[in-house]
């Protein structure tokens, strides 16, 4: 191989290395931009979630106080529906806050003893007015529970059920939505069953 060919080969290798280094630098810069954008989005979601929660808490508090007054039946129903809607909205805002925590790697899953009957009853309290306001009915069944307490993260379970119930309300034009808590005979674990007459089903 002649000297000029070696020089050309060396020049090509050198240029290739320069291109690789430049591409590597570009990718690093793009990665840093993506991380910065993701952090900015997470920070924005967290800030907005906190900002929105304050007025929603005010609405919930005011409606709760108003609900204690002696009201006409029609007014009481409207107040109860508005209160339930505000609480569901608060749940949605909390979900957004959790999303920002997931992206930041800060989301934690807890495990505490909870009363499943109280848990289901609370969901019923929040959702029944909204469900009935749409002309649907809600049926809750805990008769097949052998034990009332189990360990779980109530916030995460409630988020899952809220999502399914919100979809049930959104996509069901008529019929009954059922939420059932039961003890599985195979292993004694607590199960949750959600269904509508249209065949939607959730089991956990």
Foldseek 3Di string as FASTA:
>chain_A
DDPVVVVVVVVVVVVVVVVVVVVVVVVVVVVVVVVVVLLVVLVVLQVVLVVVLVVLVVLLVVLVVVLPDDDDPVVNLVSQLVNLVSVLVNLVSVVSNQVSCVSVVNDDWFKDKDFQVVLVVVVCSSCQSVQVVLVEHEAEEEPAAPDGIGIGRSSVVVSVVSVVVVVCSVPDNYFYWYWYWHQDPVPRDIKIWIATPVGDIDID
